[in-house]
Amino acid sequence: MSIHEKYYELLKNQEKLLAKKNEVKSDFYNGIYERYNNPVLTRHHVPLHWRFDLDKEANPHFMERLGINATFNPGAIYFNEKFYLLVRTEGVDRKSFFTLAESDNGIDQFRFVGKPITWENKYKEETNMYDMRLVKHEDGWVYGIYCSEGKDPQADEFDTSSAIAQAGLVRTKDLIEWERLPNITTPSPQQRNVVLHPEFVDGKYAFYTRPQDGFISTGAGGGIAFGICHNIENPVIDEETVIDGKEYHTVYEVKNGQGPAPIKTDRGWIHIAHGVRNTAAGLRYVLYTFATSLEQPQKLIAKPGGHFLAPYDEERVGDVSNVIFCNGAIVDKEGKLFIYYASSDTRVHVATTTVEKLIDYTFNTPQDPLHSLDCARQRKKLVEKNLHLLGVK
């Protein structure tokens, strides 16, 4: 067997992409976070030997045998002095699987490492899996919770799109070997966007869930909920209590869900969540933040109005346009925060800020008064204050 010469040509071009530095966007400023010129991961970053059969005899035209459609919605963790993203990698067959990419600085030069991640799975009905949240828990394990999707067994005979989502649970000590635990059981018929709280609460495991009746529609459910589990190896949550619900005519009016695990600060646990509203062009996903009490992580204590991060310029376009989604964030030793978000179900970006700025934003940005005239009065008050400072009457 010999390796096709086209491989070396493509590899040379890919190396240029992987070595590319990422600079802060000069045309964007809001004082809250910085955006960057380039995505940190795209389908073009995926190793060639994951996509092509390199054997010239078996693949004389060097065709892409197992193509990649998108890389998005990564979990994130700082591990062994490196930034790791556990990436939802989608083949052209529409099936998602999990892969690891690593970087020394968390901003650029991410490289996929190892092989696609697999484990023994007793859930034969699981057709697709995606959007894993990684949490380093105080019990010493790294847990991953992901959406485990299968065909709805109650669907009509000719309905080949209705699905059921459940919360799949795995754990690892090294990001290489993964143990599959039972699905998380909740009172809700559908369950995704489940996140493990990183610390014990009264000696028990705590979770953020999203009660939902249907695969797309929340129905009578909805909102970010809080629940307790006594045994992580038999993860049953008997009660889900909504701590941050949907609200009419807001950025989270259709549904909302927890993003990565909450970030512990001296003011409280700060959550990065996604909110969804309906538009004439379809659903629009954005990010927003809120804070809960350190002592009672189910108690809401702050919630700034509006979105925290939304699709910007070219981020609006992709497989599912006008979508921003985040299920991974990392705080480094200096308190710098790396927010990994996907745009339009296509590619991965990073935004950076500090924990200090995140606290300032979450606790000092005004709440949404929920009515247009009240919003106008809120802004009018700010305008009048600033005109006074500027000496304008």
Protein backbone atom coordinates (compact mmCIF):
# COMPACT_ATOMS: atom_id res chain seq x y z
CA MET A 1 0.00 0.00 0.00
CA SER A 2 1.13 3.55 -0.68
CA ILE A 3 -0.20 6.90 0.53
CA HIS A 4 -1.84 9.10 -2.08
CA GLU A 5 0.34 12.12 -2.96
CA LYS A 6 -2.70 14.43 -2.67
CA TYR A 7 -2.66 13.83 1.08
CA TYR A 8 0.62 15.68 1.51
CA GLU A 9 -0.59 18.63 -0.51
CA LEU A 10 -3.75 18.96 1.59
CA LEU A 11 -1.82 18.41 4.81
CA LYS A 12 0.51 21.30 4.01
CA ASN A 13 -2.44 23.63 3.49
CA GLN A 14 -4.14 22.39 6.66
CA GLU A 15 -1.01 23.03 8.71
CA LYS A 16 -1.18 26.67 7.69
CA LEU A 17 -4.74 26.85 9.03
CA LEU A 18 -3.85 25.10 12.29
CA ALA A 19 -0.89 27.39 12.91
CA LYS A 20 -2.88 30.58 12.29
CA LYS A 21 -2.92 33.12 15.13
CA ASN A 22 -6.22 34.56 16.28
CA GLU A 23 -6.51 38.29 16.88
CA VAL A 24 -9.14 40.29 18.75
CA LYS A 25 -11.78 41.87 16.52
CA SER A 26 -10.90 45.54 16.17
CA ASP A 27 -14.38 46.56 15.00
CA PHE A 28 -16.25 45.18 18.00
CA TYR A 29 -16.45 46.67 21.49
CA ASN A 30 -18.96 46.48 24.31
CA GLY A 31 -16.67 46.51 27.36
CA ILE A 32 -17.99 43.13 28.47
CA TYR A 33 -15.97 40.65 26.42
CA GLU A 34 -13.70 40.45 23.39
CA ARG A 35 -14.53 38.59 20.19
CA TYR A 36 -11.94 37.18 17.79
CA ASN A 37 -11.44 37.36 14.03
CA ASN A 38 -11.44 33.63 13.38
CA PRO A 39 -13.35 30.61 14.61
CA VAL A 40 -11.23 28.35 16.81
CA LEU A 41 -12.54 25.20 15.11
CA THR A 42 -14.21 24.44 11.79
CA ARG A 43 -14.72 21.27 9.77
CA HIS A 44 -11.48 22.13 7.97
CA HIS A 45 -9.56 21.54 11.23
CA VAL A 46 -10.60 17.88 11.37
CA PRO A 47 -7.61 15.60 10.58
CA LEU A 48 -7.43 14.40 7.02
CA HIS A 49 -6.98 10.79 8.12
CA TRP A 50 -10.37 10.97 9.83
CA ARG A 51 -11.98 11.84 6.49
CA PHE A 52 -10.00 10.25 3.65
CA ASP A 53 -8.79 6.75 2.98
CA LEU A 54 -5.10 7.51 2.42
CA ASP A 55 -4.48 4.24 0.59
CA LYS A 56 -3.82 5.18 -3.05
CA GLU A 57 -4.80 1.75 -4.28
CA ALA A 58 -8.16 1.70 -2.42
CA ASN A 59 -8.87 5.38 -3.11
CA PRO A 60 -7.19 6.30 -6.43
CA HIS A 61 -9.16 9.57 -6.82
CA PHE A 62 -8.53 10.51 -3.17
CA MET A 63 -12.22 11.00 -2.41
CA GLU A 64 -13.39 12.04 1.01
CA ARG A 65 -14.96 8.77 2.21
CA LEU A 66 -16.28 9.94 5.61
CA GLY A 67 -16.89 13.65 5.23
CA ILE A 68 -17.38 16.17 8.04
CA ASN A 69 -20.25 18.62 7.92
CA ALA A 70 -19.68 20.73 11.04
CA THR A 71 -17.83 21.13 14.35
CA PHE A 72 -19.83 22.87 17.07
CA ASN A 73 -21.29 22.98 20.61
CA PRO A 74 -18.20 21.85 22.55
CA GLY A 75 -17.87 21.09 26.21
CA ALA A 76 -14.71 22.62 27.67
CA ILE A 77 -12.24 21.84 30.44
CA TYR A 78 -8.74 22.88 31.54
CA PHE A 79 -6.85 19.61 32.02
CA ASN A 80 -3.14 18.80 32.36
CA GLU A 81 -2.18 22.42 31.64
CA LYS A 82 -4.09 22.51 28.34
CA PHE A 83 -7.41 23.80 27.08
CA TYR A 84 -9.60 20.95 25.87
CA LEU A 85 -12.77 21.11 23.84
CA LEU A 86 -14.99 18.06 23.57
CA VAL A 87 -16.51 18.84 20.21
CA ARG A 88 -19.81 17.82 18.67
CA THR A 89 -18.46 16.65 15.34
CA GLU A 90 -21.09 15.96 12.70
CA GLY A 91 -20.48 13.75 9.71
CA VAL A 92 -22.13 14.32 6.36
CA ASP A 93 -24.43 11.46 7.37
CA ARG A 94 -25.90 13.81 10.02
CA LYS A 95 -24.66 11.64 12.91
CA SER A 96 -22.79 13.49 15.64
CA PHE A 97 -19.94 12.04 17.67
CA PHE A 98 -17.51 13.42 20.22
CA THR A 99 -13.88 14.37 19.59
CA LEU A 100 -11.19 16.14 21.59
CA ALA A 101 -9.27 19.22 20.47
CA GLU A 102 -6.51 20.85 22.50
CA SER A 103 -4.74 24.20 22.61
CA ASP A 104 -2.01 25.70 24.78
CA ASN A 105 -3.61 29.15 25.02
CA GLY A 106 -7.33 28.52 24.47
CA ILE A 107 -7.61 31.08 21.67
CA ASP A 108 -5.98 29.53 18.62
CA GLN A 109 -4.00 26.58 17.23
CA PHE A 110 -6.53 24.02 18.43
CA ARG A 111 -5.75 20.55 17.13
CA PHE A 112 -7.89 17.44 17.21
CA VAL A 113 -6.13 14.72 19.17
CA GLY A 114 -6.49 10.97 19.59
CA LYS A 115 -9.43 9.31 17.88
CA PRO A 116 -13.20 9.79 17.92
CA ILE A 117 -14.45 8.94 21.42
CA THR A 118 -16.45 5.76 21.93
CA TRP A 119 -17.72 3.74 24.89
CA GLU A 120 -19.89 0.72 25.60
CA ASN A 121 -23.51 1.82 25.45
CA LYS A 122 -26.43 -0.30 26.57
CA TYR A 123 -28.97 2.10 25.07
CA LYS A 124 -29.50 0.59 21.64
CA GLU A 125 -32.26 3.10 20.84
CA GLU A 126 -29.70 5.93 20.99
CA THR A 127 -29.30 7.04 17.36
CA ASN A 128 -27.59 10.39 17.87
CA MET A 129 -25.67 12.15 20.65
CA TYR A 130 -24.54 15.71 21.07
CA ASP A 131 -23.85 18.85 23.14
CA MET A 132 -21.88 17.44 26.05
CA ARG A 133 -21.30 19.51 29.18
CA LEU A 134 -18.05 18.64 30.96
CA VAL A 135 -17.87 19.13 34.73
CA LYS A 136 -14.94 18.47 37.03
CA HIS A 137 -16.84 17.50 40.19
CA GLU A 138 -15.46 17.68 43.71
CA ASP A 139 -15.83 13.89 43.95
CA GLY A 140 -12.76 13.59 41.68
CA TRP A 141 -14.46 12.51 38.44
CA VAL A 142 -14.93 14.45 35.24
CA TYR A 143 -18.57 13.96 34.22
CA GLY A 144 -20.09 14.48 30.82
CA ILE A 145 -23.82 14.91 30.25
CA TYR A 146 -25.06 14.89 26.69
CA CYS A 147 -28.27 14.67 24.71
CA SER A 148 -29.05 11.07 23.88
CA GLU A 149 -31.54 11.06 21.03
CA GLY A 150 -33.61 8.25 19.59
CA LYS A 151 -36.66 7.75 17.42
CA ASP A 152 -39.99 8.16 19.20
CA PRO A 153 -41.41 4.61 19.48
CA GLN A 154 -44.92 6.07 19.70
CA ALA A 155 -44.61 7.94 16.40
CA ASP A 156 -46.86 7.08 13.46
CA GLU A 157 -45.58 4.45 11.06
CA PHE A 158 -44.56 6.96 8.40
CA ASP A 159 -43.21 9.58 10.84
CA THR A 160 -39.43 9.31 10.58
CA SER A 161 -38.53 12.57 12.32
CA SER A 162 -40.22 12.52 15.76
CA ALA A 163 -37.60 11.97 18.45
CA ILE A 164 -37.13 11.55 22.17
CA ALA A 165 -34.23 13.23 23.98
CA GLN A 166 -32.79 11.97 27.25
CA ALA A 167 -29.76 12.98 29.32
CA GLY A 168 -26.88 10.56 28.76
CA LEU A 169 -24.23 10.38 31.48
CA VAL A 170 -20.55 9.38 31.24
CA ARG A 171 -17.48 9.91 33.39
CA THR A 172 -13.72 9.77 33.04
CA LYS A 173 -10.49 10.42 34.91
CA ASP A 174 -8.25 11.05 31.90
CA LEU A 175 -10.47 12.18 28.96
CA ILE A 176 -9.44 8.97 27.18
CA GLU A 177 -11.35 6.11 28.82
CA TRP A 178 -15.05 6.81 29.42
CA GLU A 179 -17.54 4.92 31.56
CA ARG A 180 -21.18 5.00 30.50
CA LEU A 181 -23.57 5.41 33.43
CA PRO A 182 -27.38 5.10 33.25
CA ASN A 183 -29.37 7.91 31.67
CA ILE A 184 -30.52 10.54 34.12
CA THR A 185 -34.15 9.95 35.04
CA THR A 186 -36.43 12.93 35.69
CA PRO A 187 -40.19 13.46 35.83
CA SER A 188 -40.07 15.01 32.33
CA PRO A 189 -40.83 12.92 29.22
CA GLN A 190 -38.07 14.74 27.30
CA GLN A 191 -34.83 15.96 28.80
CA ARG A 192 -31.79 17.79 27.48
CA ASN A 193 -29.51 20.71 28.45
CA VAL A 194 -28.82 18.93 31.74
CA VAL A 195 -25.79 20.14 33.69
CA LEU A 196 -24.17 18.80 36.85
CA HIS A 197 -23.47 21.32 39.62
CA PRO A 198 -19.70 21.10 40.30
CA GLU A 199 -20.06 20.76 44.08
CA PHE A 200 -22.16 18.66 46.43
CA VAL A 201 -25.28 20.35 47.78
CA ASP A 202 -26.07 19.09 51.27
CA GLY A 203 -23.96 16.04 50.48
CA LYS A 204 -25.90 15.20 47.33
CA TYR A 205 -25.41 15.62 43.58
CA ALA A 206 -27.31 18.56 42.13
CA PHE A 207 -28.38 19.07 38.54
CA TYR A 208 -29.79 21.80 36.34
CA THR A 209 -32.42 20.36 34.03
CA ARG A 210 -34.94 21.60 31.46
CA PRO A 211 -38.43 20.07 31.88
CA GLN A 212 -39.87 19.55 28.41
CA ASP A 213 -42.89 17.75 26.99
CA GLY A 214 -41.80 17.53 23.35
CA PHE A 215 -38.55 17.25 21.42
CA ILE A 216 -38.84 20.85 20.16
CA SER A 217 -41.72 22.39 22.12
CA THR A 218 -41.45 22.67 25.89
CA GLY A 219 -45.22 22.33 26.24
CA ALA A 220 -46.27 22.61 29.87
CA GLY A 221 -42.60 22.42 30.88
CA GLY A 222 -39.80 24.83 30.16
CA GLY A 223 -37.35 26.90 32.14
CA ILE A 224 -34.11 25.99 33.85
CA ALA A 225 -34.86 23.72 36.78
CA PHE A 226 -32.93 22.41 39.79
CA GLY A 227 -33.01 18.87 41.11
CA ILE A 228 -31.22 16.60 43.55
CA CYS A 229 -29.84 13.10 43.00
CA HIS A 230 -28.73 10.80 45.83
CA ASN A 231 -26.65 8.34 43.81
CA ILE A 232 -24.73 9.32 40.68
CA GLU A 233 -24.53 5.65 39.60
CA ASN A 234 -28.33 5.47 39.67
CA PRO A 235 -29.14 9.07 38.71
CA VAL A 236 -32.80 9.62 39.55
CA ILE A 237 -34.15 13.14 40.08
CA ASP A 238 -37.57 12.95 41.70
CA GLU A 239 -38.44 16.64 41.54
CA GLU A 240 -37.53 19.48 39.16
CA THR A 241 -38.06 23.00 40.48
CA VAL A 242 -37.86 25.78 37.89
CA ILE A 243 -35.45 28.49 39.02
CA ASP A 244 -35.37 30.56 35.82
CA GLY A 245 -38.44 30.39 33.64
CA LYS A 246 -39.62 31.52 30.23
CA GLU A 247 -41.09 35.01 29.93
CA TYR A 248 -43.29 36.59 27.27
CA HIS A 249 -41.59 38.94 24.79
CA THR A 250 -38.05 38.38 26.00
CA VAL A 251 -34.99 36.68 24.50
CA TYR A 252 -36.06 33.52 26.38
CA GLU A 253 -39.77 33.51 25.58
CA VAL A 254 -39.91 30.15 23.73
CA LYS A 255 -37.43 28.19 25.83
CA ASN A 256 -34.18 28.48 27.71
CA GLY A 257 -31.52 26.13 28.99
CA GLN A 258 -28.38 25.98 31.08
CA GLY A 259 -25.12 26.32 29.14
CA PRO A 260 -21.92 25.17 30.88
CA ALA A 261 -21.73 24.51 34.61
CA PRO A 262 -22.13 27.70 36.66
CA ILE A 263 -19.01 29.69 37.53
CA LYS A 264 -18.28 30.14 41.23
CA THR A 265 -17.52 33.73 42.29
CA ASP A 266 -17.45 35.54 45.62
CA ARG A 267 -20.85 37.07 44.76
CA GLY A 268 -22.60 33.88 43.75
CA TRP A 269 -22.80 31.21 41.06
CA ILE A 270 -22.94 32.87 37.65
CA HIS A 271 -24.74 30.97 34.92
CA ILE A 272 -24.38 31.34 31.16
CA ALA A 273 -27.60 30.15 29.56
CA HIS A 274 -29.21 30.17 26.13
CA GLY A 275 -32.52 31.82 25.39
CA VAL A 276 -34.76 31.21 22.39
CA ARG A 277 -37.39 33.41 20.79
CA ASN A 278 -39.44 33.00 17.65
CA THR A 279 -39.07 35.23 14.61
CA ALA A 280 -40.43 35.33 11.06
CA ALA A 281 -37.14 33.67 10.02
CA GLY A 282 -37.39 30.92 12.64
CA LEU A 283 -35.96 30.40 16.13
CA ARG A 284 -33.21 32.76 17.30
CA TYR A 285 -30.77 31.53 19.96
CA VAL A 286 -28.74 33.93 22.10
CA LEU A 287 -26.87 33.75 25.42
CA TYR A 288 -27.77 35.50 28.66
CA THR A 289 -26.54 35.31 32.25
CA PHE A 290 -28.00 35.10 35.71
CA ALA A 291 -26.68 34.46 39.22
CA THR A 292 -27.74 32.19 42.06
CA SER A 293 -26.79 32.13 45.73
CA LEU A 294 -23.57 30.46 46.86
CA GLU A 295 -25.37 28.85 49.79
CA GLN A 296 -28.54 28.01 47.84
CA PRO A 297 -27.61 27.50 44.17
CA GLN A 298 -31.31 27.14 43.32
CA LYS A 299 -32.05 30.70 44.52
CA LEU A 300 -31.96 33.40 41.81
CA ILE A 301 -30.24 36.60 43.01
CA ALA A 302 -29.42 38.57 39.83
CA LYS A 303 -30.52 38.60 36.20
CA PRO A 304 -29.48 41.32 33.72
CA GLY A 305 -31.94 42.14 30.97
CA GLY A 306 -31.51 41.17 27.32
CA HIS A 307 -28.87 39.02 25.69
CA PHE A 308 -25.25 38.70 26.75
CA LEU A 309 -23.96 37.40 23.41
CA ALA A 310 -25.76 37.04 20.09
CA PRO A 311 -24.79 36.09 16.51
CA TYR A 312 -22.57 38.74 14.96
CA ASP A 313 -21.90 39.35 11.25
CA GLU A 314 -20.85 36.09 9.56
CA GLU A 315 -21.82 34.12 12.68
CA ARG A 316 -25.46 34.52 11.61
CA VAL A 317 -25.05 32.18 8.64
CA GLY A 318 -24.70 28.41 8.72
CA ASP A 319 -26.54 25.11 8.80
CA VAL A 320 -29.09 26.52 11.27
CA SER A 321 -28.77 30.28 10.89
CA ASN A 322 -29.14 32.95 13.56
CA VAL A 323 -28.06 30.67 16.38
CA ILE A 324 -25.51 31.05 19.17
CA PHE A 325 -25.08 28.13 21.57
CA CYS A 326 -22.67 27.60 24.45
CA ASN A 327 -22.07 24.53 26.58
CA GLY A 328 -18.41 25.10 27.46
CA ALA A 329 -16.44 27.71 29.42
CA ILE A 330 -13.08 27.75 31.20
CA VAL A 331 -11.70 30.04 33.92
CA ASP A 332 -7.90 30.05 34.09
CA LYS A 333 -5.69 30.61 37.14
CA GLU A 334 -5.62 34.39 36.57
CA GLY A 335 -9.40 34.68 36.45
CA LYS A 336 -9.64 35.00 32.68
CA LEU A 337 -12.83 33.51 31.27
CA PHE A 338 -12.93 31.69 27.93
CA ILE A 339 -16.45 31.29 26.58
CA TYR A 340 -16.66 28.73 23.77
CA TYR A 341 -19.71 29.15 21.62
CA ALA A 342 -20.89 27.78 18.30
CA SER A 343 -22.46 29.89 15.59
CA SER A 344 -25.32 28.60 13.47
CA ASP A 345 -24.58 24.93 14.24
CA THR A 346 -21.48 25.15 12.04
CA ARG A 347 -18.28 26.31 13.77
CA VAL A 348 -16.74 27.13 17.17
CA HIS A 349 -15.66 30.56 18.41
CA VAL A 350 -14.22 31.95 21.62
CA ALA A 351 -15.00 35.15 23.50
CA THR A 352 -12.83 36.20 26.43
CA THR A 353 -13.44 38.31 29.49
CA THR A 354 -12.63 38.12 33.20
CA VAL A 355 -14.57 36.85 36.17
CA GLU A 356 -14.46 40.41 37.54
CA LYS A 357 -16.17 41.75 34.41
CA LEU A 358 -18.68 38.91 34.40
CA ILE A 359 -19.64 39.79 37.99
CA ASP A 360 -19.95 43.48 37.09
CA TYR A 361 -22.13 42.70 34.08
CA THR A 362 -24.39 40.22 35.87
CA PHE A 363 -24.97 42.22 39.04
CA ASN A 364 -24.93 45.80 37.71
CA THR A 365 -26.72 45.55 34.36
CA PRO A 366 -30.39 46.54 34.85
CA GLN A 367 -33.06 43.86 34.83
CA ASP A 368 -35.62 43.66 32.04
CA PRO A 369 -38.72 45.61 33.23
CA LEU A 370 -40.74 43.55 30.69
CA HIS A 371 -42.79 46.45 29.22
CA SER A 372 -41.77 48.85 26.43
CA LEU A 373 -42.62 52.08 28.26
CA ASP A 374 -40.79 50.92 31.36
CA CYS A 375 -37.80 50.03 29.17
CA ALA A 376 -37.97 53.52 27.64
CA ARG A 377 -38.07 55.08 31.12
CA GLN A 378 -35.10 52.95 32.15
CA ARG A 379 -33.09 54.18 29.16
CA LYS A 380 -34.32 57.77 29.58
CA LYS A 381 -32.94 57.75 33.11
CA LEU A 382 -29.54 56.66 31.79
CA VAL A 383 -29.63 59.35 29.07
CA GLU A 384 -30.47 62.07 31.59
CA LYS A 385 -27.66 60.97 33.89
CA ASN A 386 -25.14 61.00 31.04
CA LEU A 387 -26.31 64.38 29.71
CA HIS A 388 -25.80 65.80 33.18
CA LEU A 389 -22.27 64.37 33.28
CA LEU A 390 -21.60 65.86 29.85
CA GLY A 391 -22.88 69.24 30.99
CA VAL A 392 -25.72 69.20 28.47
CA LYS A 393 -29.05 70.68 29.56
